[in-house]
Amino acid sequence: MSNTLKIMAEGFVGDDPKYYAGEKDGKNYVNFSIAHTDRYKDNQNGNWVEGKTTWLKVKAWGNLADNVANSVYKSDPVSVEGRFMVEEYTDKENKLHKIPTIHANKVLFNMDKGVCTFRRIPSQNHNNSLLENDGLPSVVNESIKVDQNLDKKINKTKTKK
């Protein structure tokens, strides 16, 4: 059994991720935050009530950091999985601050809130014979064509209403 506290958190990205190229132990890393606001239905009047907002800091390294920096933006709905930590620092006034942080091993988009296109980054061990002239697998190029057609269908539907 691992001695690590794993966590899965859902929320909205608070600001565009900040990317640092090789500044920590020679590895790329990214920092961003997510916010989750509890909502519940009031049993007496049936209205939805906004509860407390919880903020979590998220850190990721390596390929995950590179991909997050190129894909995730402020207000995106995401799920983050990783190790839960409480980071501490002392400010100029000698006050101790504790920040709940996830050291991420996965960052996922919440597909209930929107659509996205996944593009696999070929690894060095990948069989490059599957790649087309633009360096993307043929399956990716087909999904891009499908995605463009989907956009046209969505726009047509919006125009008809």
N, C-alpha and C. Protein backbone atom coordinates (compact mmCIF):
# COMPACT_ATOMS: atom_id res chain seq x y z
N MET A 1 0.84 -1.19 0.00
CA MET A 1 0.00 0.00 0.00
C MET A 1 0.89 1.24 0.00
N SER A 2 0.51 2.20 -0.83
CA SER A 2 1.25 3.44 -0.96
C SER A 2 1.00 4.34 0.24
N ASN A 3 1.98 5.15 0.57
CA ASN A 3 1.86 6.10 1.67
C ASN A 3 1.52 7.49 1.14
N THR A 4 0.92 7.56 -0.06
CA THR A 4 0.60 8.81 -0.72
C THR A 4 -0.90 9.02 -0.72
N LEU A 5 -1.34 10.23 -0.44
CA LEU A 5 -2.75 10.57 -0.50
C LEU A 5 -3.07 11.00 -1.93
N LYS A 6 -3.85 10.17 -2.64
CA LYS A 6 -4.24 10.50 -4.01
C LYS A 6 -5.58 11.20 -3.98
N ILE A 7 -5.77 12.11 -4.95
CA ILE A 7 -6.99 12.90 -4.99
C ILE A 7 -7.43 13.09 -6.44
N MET A 8 -8.73 13.19 -6.63
CA MET A 8 -9.32 13.57 -7.92
C MET A 8 -10.19 14.78 -7.62
N ALA A 9 -9.92 15.90 -8.27
CA ALA A 9 -10.67 17.12 -8.03
C ALA A 9 -11.19 17.67 -9.35
N GLU A 10 -12.42 18.18 -9.32
CA GLU A 10 -13.02 18.81 -10.48
C GLU A 10 -13.23 20.29 -10.20
N GLY A 11 -13.04 21.09 -11.23
CA GLY A 11 -13.26 22.51 -11.07
C GLY A 11 -12.99 23.26 -12.36
N PHE A 12 -12.96 24.57 -12.25
CA PHE A 12 -12.68 25.43 -13.39
C PHE A 12 -11.32 26.09 -13.18
N VAL A 13 -10.54 26.16 -14.25
CA VAL A 13 -9.21 26.74 -14.18
C VAL A 13 -9.33 28.23 -13.85
N GLY A 14 -8.59 28.67 -12.84
CA GLY A 14 -8.70 30.04 -12.34
C GLY A 14 -7.96 31.07 -13.18
N ASP A 15 -6.89 30.68 -13.84
CA ASP A 15 -6.11 31.59 -14.67
C ASP A 15 -5.30 30.74 -15.65
N ASP A 16 -4.84 31.34 -16.73
CA ASP A 16 -4.03 30.57 -17.67
C ASP A 16 -2.83 29.98 -16.93
N PRO A 17 -2.51 28.71 -17.20
CA PRO A 17 -1.35 28.08 -16.54
C PRO A 17 -0.06 28.86 -16.81
N LYS A 18 0.81 28.88 -15.82
CA LYS A 18 2.12 29.52 -15.95
C LYS A 18 3.16 28.42 -16.17
N TYR A 19 3.87 28.54 -17.28
CA TYR A 19 4.82 27.51 -17.71
C TYR A 19 6.25 27.95 -17.41
N TYR A 20 7.04 27.04 -16.87
CA TYR A 20 8.44 27.30 -16.55
C TYR A 20 9.29 26.26 -17.25
N ALA A 21 10.12 26.70 -18.18
CA ALA A 21 10.94 25.79 -18.99
C ALA A 21 12.25 25.50 -18.28
N GLY A 22 12.36 24.31 -17.72
CA GLY A 22 13.60 23.84 -17.13
C GLY A 22 14.10 24.60 -15.93
N GLU A 23 13.23 25.30 -15.22
CA GLU A 23 13.68 26.13 -14.11
C GLU A 23 13.72 25.39 -12.78
N LYS A 24 13.15 24.20 -12.72
CA LYS A 24 13.16 23.44 -11.46
C LYS A 24 13.80 22.08 -11.73
N ASP A 25 14.99 21.88 -11.25
CA ASP A 25 15.71 20.63 -11.44
C ASP A 25 15.90 20.29 -12.92
N GLY A 26 15.92 21.32 -13.77
CA GLY A 26 16.11 21.10 -15.20
C GLY A 26 14.88 20.55 -15.90
N LYS A 27 13.76 20.44 -15.21
CA LYS A 27 12.53 19.90 -15.80
C LYS A 27 11.53 21.02 -16.05
N ASN A 28 10.75 20.86 -17.12
CA ASN A 28 9.66 21.79 -17.38
C ASN A 28 8.56 21.54 -16.37
N TYR A 29 7.93 22.62 -15.92
CA TYR A 29 6.77 22.45 -15.04
C TYR A 29 5.77 23.56 -15.27
N VAL A 30 4.55 23.34 -14.79
CA VAL A 30 3.47 24.29 -14.96
C VAL A 30 2.70 24.40 -13.64
N ASN A 31 2.22 25.61 -13.35
CA ASN A 31 1.37 25.87 -12.19
C ASN A 31 0.07 26.48 -12.66
N PHE A 32 -1.03 26.05 -12.06
CA PHE A 32 -2.30 26.71 -12.27
C PHE A 32 -3.19 26.39 -11.08
N SER A 33 -4.35 27.01 -11.03
CA SER A 33 -5.27 26.74 -9.92
C SER A 33 -6.63 26.36 -10.47
N ILE A 34 -7.36 25.60 -9.67
CA ILE A 34 -8.74 25.27 -10.02
C ILE A 34 -9.64 25.67 -8.85
N ALA A 35 -10.86 26.02 -9.20
CA ALA A 35 -11.85 26.41 -8.19
C ALA A 35 -13.08 25.52 -8.34
N HIS A 36 -13.63 25.13 -7.20
CA HIS A 36 -14.87 24.36 -7.19
C HIS A 36 -15.81 25.02 -6.20
N THR A 37 -17.01 25.33 -6.67
CA THR A 37 -18.03 25.92 -5.81
C THR A 37 -19.14 24.92 -5.60
N ASP A 38 -19.38 24.58 -4.34
CA ASP A 38 -20.49 23.68 -4.01
C ASP A 38 -21.80 24.37 -4.33
N ARG A 39 -22.71 23.61 -4.93
CA ARG A 39 -24.06 24.09 -5.20
C ARG A 39 -25.04 23.07 -4.65
N TYR A 40 -26.11 23.56 -4.08
CA TYR A 40 -27.12 22.65 -3.59
C TYR A 40 -28.50 23.28 -3.77
N LYS A 41 -29.49 22.42 -3.83
CA LYS A 41 -30.87 22.88 -4.01
C LYS A 41 -31.51 23.07 -2.64
N ASP A 42 -32.03 24.26 -2.42
CA ASP A 42 -32.71 24.56 -1.16
C ASP A 42 -34.04 23.82 -1.15
N ASN A 43 -34.24 22.95 -0.16
CA ASN A 43 -35.46 22.13 -0.08
C ASN A 43 -36.73 22.96 0.15
N GLN A 44 -36.59 24.13 0.77
CA GLN A 44 -37.77 24.94 1.09
C GLN A 44 -38.31 25.68 -0.13
N ASN A 45 -37.41 26.31 -0.92
CA ASN A 45 -37.91 27.11 -2.05
C ASN A 45 -37.52 26.53 -3.42
N GLY A 46 -36.71 25.47 -3.45
CA GLY A 46 -36.34 24.83 -4.71
C GLY A 46 -35.28 25.56 -5.51
N ASN A 47 -34.74 26.66 -4.99
CA ASN A 47 -33.70 27.43 -5.70
C ASN A 47 -32.32 26.83 -5.46
N TRP A 48 -31.47 27.00 -6.46
CA TRP A 48 -30.07 26.57 -6.31
C TRP A 48 -29.32 27.62 -5.51
N VAL A 49 -28.50 27.16 -4.58
CA VAL A 49 -27.73 28.06 -3.71
C VAL A 49 -26.24 27.80 -3.94
N GLU A 50 -25.49 28.89 -4.12
CA GLU A 50 -24.04 28.80 -4.26
C GLU A 50 -23.42 28.67 -2.88
N GLY A 51 -22.56 27.67 -2.72
CA GLY A 51 -21.88 27.48 -1.45
C GLY A 51 -20.49 28.07 -1.48
N LYS A 52 -19.64 27.52 -0.67
CA LYS A 52 -18.27 28.00 -0.53
C LYS A 52 -17.43 27.56 -1.74
N THR A 53 -16.52 28.43 -2.18
CA THR A 53 -15.60 28.10 -3.26
C THR A 53 -14.28 27.62 -2.66
N THR A 54 -13.81 26.48 -3.12
CA THR A 54 -12.53 25.93 -2.68
C THR A 54 -11.54 26.05 -3.82
N TRP A 55 -10.36 26.57 -3.51
CA TRP A 55 -9.28 26.73 -4.50
C TRP A 55 -8.18 25.71 -4.22
N LEU A 56 -7.68 25.09 -5.28
CA LEU A 56 -6.55 24.17 -5.18
C LEU A 56 -5.49 24.60 -6.18
N LYS A 57 -4.25 24.57 -5.76
CA LYS A 57 -3.13 24.82 -6.67
C LYS A 57 -2.79 23.49 -7.33
N VAL A 58 -2.41 23.53 -8.60
CA VAL A 58 -2.03 22.33 -9.34
C VAL A 58 -0.65 22.53 -9.93
N LYS A 59 0.20 21.50 -9.80
CA LYS A 59 1.53 21.50 -10.41
C LYS A 59 1.67 20.24 -11.25
N ALA A 60 2.35 20.39 -12.39
CA ALA A 60 2.62 19.24 -13.26
C ALA A 60 4.00 19.42 -13.87
N TRP A 61 4.63 18.29 -14.20
CA TRP A 61 5.99 18.30 -14.75
C TRP A 61 6.06 17.54 -16.06
N GLY A 62 7.16 17.75 -16.79
CA GLY A 62 7.48 16.97 -17.98
C GLY A 62 6.48 17.13 -19.10
N ASN A 63 6.15 15.99 -19.76
CA ASN A 63 5.21 16.02 -20.89
C ASN A 63 3.85 16.56 -20.48
N LEU A 64 3.40 16.21 -19.29
CA LEU A 64 2.10 16.71 -18.84
C LEU A 64 2.13 18.23 -18.76
N ALA A 65 3.21 18.80 -18.25
CA ALA A 65 3.34 20.26 -18.17
C ALA A 65 3.30 20.88 -19.56
N ASP A 66 4.03 20.29 -20.50
CA ASP A 66 4.04 20.81 -21.87
C ASP A 66 2.64 20.79 -22.46
N ASN A 67 1.93 19.67 -22.29
CA ASN A 67 0.59 19.53 -22.87
C ASN A 67 -0.42 20.45 -22.20
N VAL A 68 -0.33 20.60 -20.88
CA VAL A 68 -1.23 21.52 -20.17
C VAL A 68 -0.99 22.95 -20.66
N ALA A 69 0.27 23.33 -20.78
CA ALA A 69 0.60 24.70 -21.21
C ALA A 69 0.04 24.99 -22.60
N ASN A 70 -0.06 23.98 -23.45
CA ASN A 70 -0.55 24.17 -24.82
C ASN A 70 -2.04 23.92 -24.98
N SER A 71 -2.72 23.47 -23.94
CA SER A 71 -4.12 23.04 -24.10
C SER A 71 -5.10 23.65 -23.11
N VAL A 72 -4.66 24.01 -21.94
CA VAL A 72 -5.57 24.41 -20.86
C VAL A 72 -5.55 25.93 -20.70
N TYR A 73 -6.75 26.51 -20.55
CA TYR A 73 -6.88 27.96 -20.43
C TYR A 73 -7.83 28.31 -19.30
N LYS A 74 -7.78 29.58 -18.90
CA LYS A 74 -8.66 30.09 -17.85
C LYS A 74 -10.10 29.72 -18.15
N SER A 75 -10.80 29.27 -17.15
CA SER A 75 -12.22 28.90 -17.11
C SER A 75 -12.53 27.54 -17.74
N ASP A 76 -11.51 26.81 -18.21
CA ASP A 76 -11.76 25.45 -18.72
C ASP A 76 -12.22 24.54 -17.59
N PRO A 77 -13.23 23.70 -17.84
CA PRO A 77 -13.65 22.72 -16.83
C PRO A 77 -12.73 21.50 -16.89
N VAL A 78 -12.05 21.21 -15.79
CA VAL A 78 -11.09 20.11 -15.78
C VAL A 78 -11.27 19.22 -14.55
N SER A 79 -10.74 18.02 -14.68
CA SER A 79 -10.57 17.12 -13.54
C SER A 79 -9.07 16.89 -13.43
N VAL A 80 -8.57 16.88 -12.22
CA VAL A 80 -7.15 16.70 -11.97
C VAL A 80 -6.97 15.54 -11.01
N GLU A 81 -6.08 14.64 -11.36
CA GLU A 81 -5.76 13.51 -10.49
C GLU A 81 -4.29 13.59 -10.13
N GLY A 82 -3.98 13.31 -8.87
CA GLY A 82 -2.58 13.33 -8.44
C GLY A 82 -2.44 13.16 -6.95
N ARG A 83 -1.25 13.52 -6.46
CA ARG A 83 -0.95 13.44 -5.04
C ARG A 83 -1.36 14.73 -4.36
N PHE A 84 -2.05 14.61 -3.23
CA PHE A 84 -2.44 15.79 -2.46
C PHE A 84 -1.32 16.15 -1.50
N MET A 85 -0.96 17.41 -1.50
CA MET A 85 0.09 17.91 -0.61
C MET A 85 -0.38 19.25 -0.04
N VAL A 86 0.19 19.63 1.07
CA VAL A 86 -0.02 20.98 1.60
C VAL A 86 1.35 21.65 1.56
N GLU A 87 1.49 22.62 0.66
CA GLU A 87 2.76 23.34 0.54
C GLU A 87 2.74 24.53 1.50
N GLU A 88 3.90 24.81 2.07
CA GLU A 88 3.99 25.90 3.04
C GLU A 88 5.06 26.89 2.60
N TYR A 89 4.81 28.17 2.89
CA TYR A 89 5.84 29.18 2.71
C TYR A 89 5.62 30.28 3.74
N THR A 90 6.67 31.00 4.03
CA THR A 90 6.62 32.11 4.98
C THR A 90 6.79 33.40 4.19
N ASP A 91 5.87 34.35 4.39
CA ASP A 91 5.94 35.61 3.65
C ASP A 91 6.93 36.58 4.30
N LYS A 92 7.02 37.78 3.74
CA LYS A 92 7.97 38.80 4.22
C LYS A 92 7.69 39.22 5.66
N GLU A 93 6.43 39.09 6.08
CA GLU A 93 6.05 39.46 7.44
C GLU A 93 6.14 38.29 8.40
N ASN A 94 6.83 37.22 7.95
CA ASN A 94 7.07 36.02 8.75
C ASN A 94 5.78 35.26 9.10
N LYS A 95 4.77 35.40 8.23
CA LYS A 95 3.51 34.69 8.42
C LYS A 95 3.54 33.41 7.59
N LEU A 96 3.18 32.29 8.21
CA LEU A 96 3.16 30.99 7.55
C LEU A 96 1.87 30.83 6.75
N HIS A 97 2.00 30.42 5.47
CA HIS A 97 0.85 30.16 4.60
C HIS A 97 0.87 28.69 4.21
N LYS A 98 -0.30 28.08 4.20
CA LYS A 98 -0.44 26.68 3.78
C LYS A 98 -1.35 26.65 2.56
N ILE A 99 -0.88 25.99 1.49
CA ILE A 99 -1.61 25.97 0.23
C ILE A 99 -1.91 24.54 -0.16
N PRO A 100 -3.21 24.17 -0.24
CA PRO A 100 -3.55 22.82 -0.72
C PRO A 100 -3.17 22.70 -2.19
N THR A 101 -2.39 21.66 -2.51
CA THR A 101 -1.80 21.51 -3.84
C THR A 101 -1.94 20.08 -4.33
N ILE A 102 -2.19 19.95 -5.63
CA ILE A 102 -2.19 18.63 -6.26
C ILE A 102 -0.97 18.54 -7.17
N HIS A 103 -0.13 17.55 -6.94
CA HIS A 103 0.95 17.23 -7.87
C HIS A 103 0.36 16.27 -8.89
N ALA A 104 -0.01 16.82 -10.05
CA ALA A 104 -0.85 16.11 -11.01
C ALA A 104 -0.11 15.03 -11.78
N ASN A 105 -0.81 13.92 -12.01
CA ASN A 105 -0.33 12.93 -12.97
C ASN A 105 -1.32 12.80 -14.13
N LYS A 106 -2.51 13.45 -14.00
CA LYS A 106 -3.50 13.50 -15.08
C LYS A 106 -4.26 14.82 -14.99
N VAL A 107 -4.51 15.40 -16.15
CA VAL A 107 -5.40 16.55 -16.25
C VAL A 107 -6.35 16.24 -17.39
N LEU A 108 -7.65 16.24 -17.09
CA LEU A 108 -8.67 15.83 -18.05
C LEU A 108 -9.68 16.95 -18.25
N PHE A 109 -10.20 17.06 -19.47
CA PHE A 109 -11.28 18.01 -19.72
C PHE A 109 -12.60 17.36 -19.37
N ASN A 110 -13.53 18.15 -18.81
CA ASN A 110 -14.86 17.66 -18.50
C ASN A 110 -15.70 17.79 -19.77
N MET A 111 -15.91 16.67 -20.46
CA MET A 111 -16.60 16.67 -21.74
C MET A 111 -18.10 16.90 -21.61
N ASP A 112 -18.61 16.97 -20.38
CA ASP A 112 -20.00 17.32 -20.15
C ASP A 112 -20.22 18.82 -20.39
N LYS A 113 -19.15 19.58 -20.34
CA LYS A 113 -19.23 21.04 -20.45
C LYS A 113 -18.84 21.57 -21.82
N GLY A 114 -18.32 20.72 -22.72
CA GLY A 114 -17.91 21.20 -24.03
C GLY A 114 -17.26 20.09 -24.84
N VAL A 115 -16.74 20.46 -26.01
CA VAL A 115 -16.09 19.50 -26.89
C VAL A 115 -14.61 19.86 -27.03
N CYS A 116 -13.80 18.88 -27.32
CA CYS A 116 -12.40 19.13 -27.59
C CYS A 116 -11.90 18.08 -28.58
N THR A 117 -10.74 18.35 -29.15
CA THR A 117 -10.12 17.41 -30.08
C THR A 117 -8.82 16.94 -29.46
N PHE A 118 -8.64 15.65 -29.41
CA PHE A 118 -7.42 15.07 -28.85
C PHE A 118 -6.43 14.82 -29.98
N ARG A 119 -5.19 15.23 -29.77
CA ARG A 119 -4.15 14.98 -30.75
C ARG A 119 -2.99 14.30 -30.03
N ARG A 120 -2.71 13.08 -30.41
CA ARG A 120 -1.63 12.32 -29.78
C ARG A 120 -0.29 12.87 -30.25
N ILE A 121 0.61 13.05 -29.31
CA ILE A 121 1.97 13.46 -29.62
C ILE A 121 2.77 12.18 -29.84
N PRO A 122 3.32 11.97 -31.04
CA PRO A 122 4.08 10.73 -31.30
C PRO A 122 5.30 10.64 -30.39
N SER A 123 5.49 9.47 -29.80
CA SER A 123 6.66 9.27 -28.94
C SER A 123 7.85 8.88 -29.81
N GLN A 124 9.03 8.86 -29.23
CA GLN A 124 10.23 8.48 -29.97
C GLN A 124 10.17 7.02 -30.39
N ASN A 125 9.43 6.21 -29.63
CA ASN A 125 9.31 4.79 -29.95
C ASN A 125 8.15 4.50 -30.91
N HIS A 126 7.40 5.54 -31.28
CA HIS A 126 6.22 5.38 -32.11
C HIS A 126 6.61 4.97 -33.53
N ASN A 127 5.82 4.12 -34.13
CA ASN A 127 6.05 3.69 -35.50
C ASN A 127 5.64 4.84 -36.43
N ASN A 128 6.62 5.58 -36.94
CA ASN A 128 6.35 6.76 -37.75
C ASN A 128 5.76 6.43 -39.11
N SER A 129 5.65 5.16 -39.49
CA SER A 129 5.05 4.82 -40.77
C SER A 129 3.56 5.15 -40.80
N LEU A 130 2.94 5.34 -39.62
CA LEU A 130 1.53 5.71 -39.56
C LEU A 130 1.31 7.20 -39.76
N LEU A 131 2.40 7.97 -39.77
CA LEU A 131 2.28 9.41 -39.84
C LEU A 131 2.15 9.89 -41.27
N GLU A 132 1.37 10.95 -41.45
CA GLU A 132 1.25 11.58 -42.75
C GLU A 132 2.27 12.70 -42.87
N ASN A 133 2.22 13.46 -43.94
CA ASN A 133 3.20 14.51 -44.21
C ASN A 133 3.27 15.58 -43.12
N ASP A 134 2.16 15.86 -42.46
CA ASP A 134 2.16 16.90 -41.44
C ASP A 134 2.62 16.39 -40.08
N GLY A 135 3.03 15.13 -39.99
CA GLY A 135 3.53 14.59 -38.74
C GLY A 135 2.45 14.06 -37.82
N LEU A 136 1.18 14.14 -38.23
CA LEU A 136 0.09 13.64 -37.41
C LEU A 136 -0.37 12.29 -37.94
N PRO A 137 -0.77 11.40 -37.07
CA PRO A 137 -1.32 10.13 -37.53
C PRO A 137 -2.54 10.38 -38.40
N SER A 138 -2.77 9.53 -39.38
CA SER A 138 -3.90 9.71 -40.30
C SER A 138 -5.22 9.76 -39.55
N VAL A 139 -5.32 9.04 -38.44
CA VAL A 139 -6.55 9.05 -37.64
C VAL A 139 -6.82 10.46 -37.13
N VAL A 140 -5.77 11.19 -36.73
CA VAL A 140 -5.94 12.56 -36.24
C VAL A 140 -6.47 13.45 -37.35
N ASN A 141 -5.89 13.33 -38.55
CA ASN A 141 -6.35 14.14 -39.66
C ASN A 141 -7.82 13.87 -39.97
N GLU A 142 -8.24 12.61 -39.88
CA GLU A 142 -9.65 12.29 -40.10
C GLU A 142 -10.52 12.92 -39.03
N SER A 143 -10.06 12.89 -37.77
CA SER A 143 -10.86 13.47 -36.69
C SER A 143 -10.95 14.98 -36.85
N ILE A 144 -9.93 15.61 -37.40
CA ILE A 144 -9.99 17.06 -37.63
C ILE A 144 -11.05 17.35 -38.68
N LYS A 145 -11.11 16.53 -39.74
CA LYS A 145 -12.13 16.71 -40.77
C LYS A 145 -13.52 16.54 -40.17
N VAL A 146 -13.69 15.51 -39.34
CA VAL A 146 -14.97 15.27 -38.68
C VAL A 146 -15.31 16.44 -37.79
N ASP A 147 -14.33 16.96 -37.05
CA ASP A 147 -14.55 18.08 -36.14
C ASP A 147 -15.00 19.32 -36.91
N GLN A 148 -14.40 19.57 -38.08
CA GLN A 148 -14.81 20.71 -38.89
C GLN A 148 -16.25 20.53 -39.37
N ASN A 149 -16.60 19.32 -39.77
CA ASN A 149 -17.98 19.06 -40.18
C ASN A 149 -18.94 19.22 -39.02
N LEU A 150 -18.53 18.80 -37.83
CA LEU A 150 -19.38 18.96 -36.64
C LEU A 150 -19.61 20.44 -36.37
N ASP A 151 -18.56 21.26 -36.49
CA ASP A 151 -18.72 22.70 -36.30
C ASP A 151 -19.75 23.27 -37.27
N LYS A 152 -19.69 22.82 -38.54
CA LYS A 152 -20.65 23.30 -39.54
C LYS A 152 -22.07 22.90 -39.15
N LYS A 153 -22.25 21.65 -38.68
CA LYS A 153 -23.57 21.18 -38.28
C LYS A 153 -24.09 21.98 -37.09
N ILE A 154 -23.21 22.23 -36.12
CA ILE A 154 -23.62 22.99 -34.93
C ILE A 154 -24.03 24.39 -35.34
N ASN A 155 -23.25 25.03 -36.22
CA ASN A 155 -23.58 26.39 -36.66
C ASN A 155 -24.88 26.41 -37.44
N LYS A 156 -25.14 25.39 -38.29
CA LYS A 156 -26.40 25.32 -39.03
C LYS A 156 -27.58 25.22 -38.05
N THR A 157 -27.43 24.38 -37.04
CA THR A 157 -28.49 24.18 -36.05
C THR A 157 -28.78 25.48 -35.33
N LYS A 158 -27.73 26.21 -34.96
CA LYS A 158 -27.91 27.48 -34.24
C LYS A 158 -28.63 28.48 -35.15
N THR A 159 -28.29 28.49 -36.44
CA THR A 159 -28.88 29.45 -37.38
C THR A 159 -30.37 29.17 -37.59
N LYS A 160 -30.77 27.91 -37.60
CA LYS A 160 -32.17 27.53 -37.86
C LYS A 160 -33.08 27.96 -36.72
N LYS A 161 -32.56 28.01 -35.49
CA LYS A 161 -33.42 28.30 -34.33
C LYS A 161 -33.87 29.72 -34.27
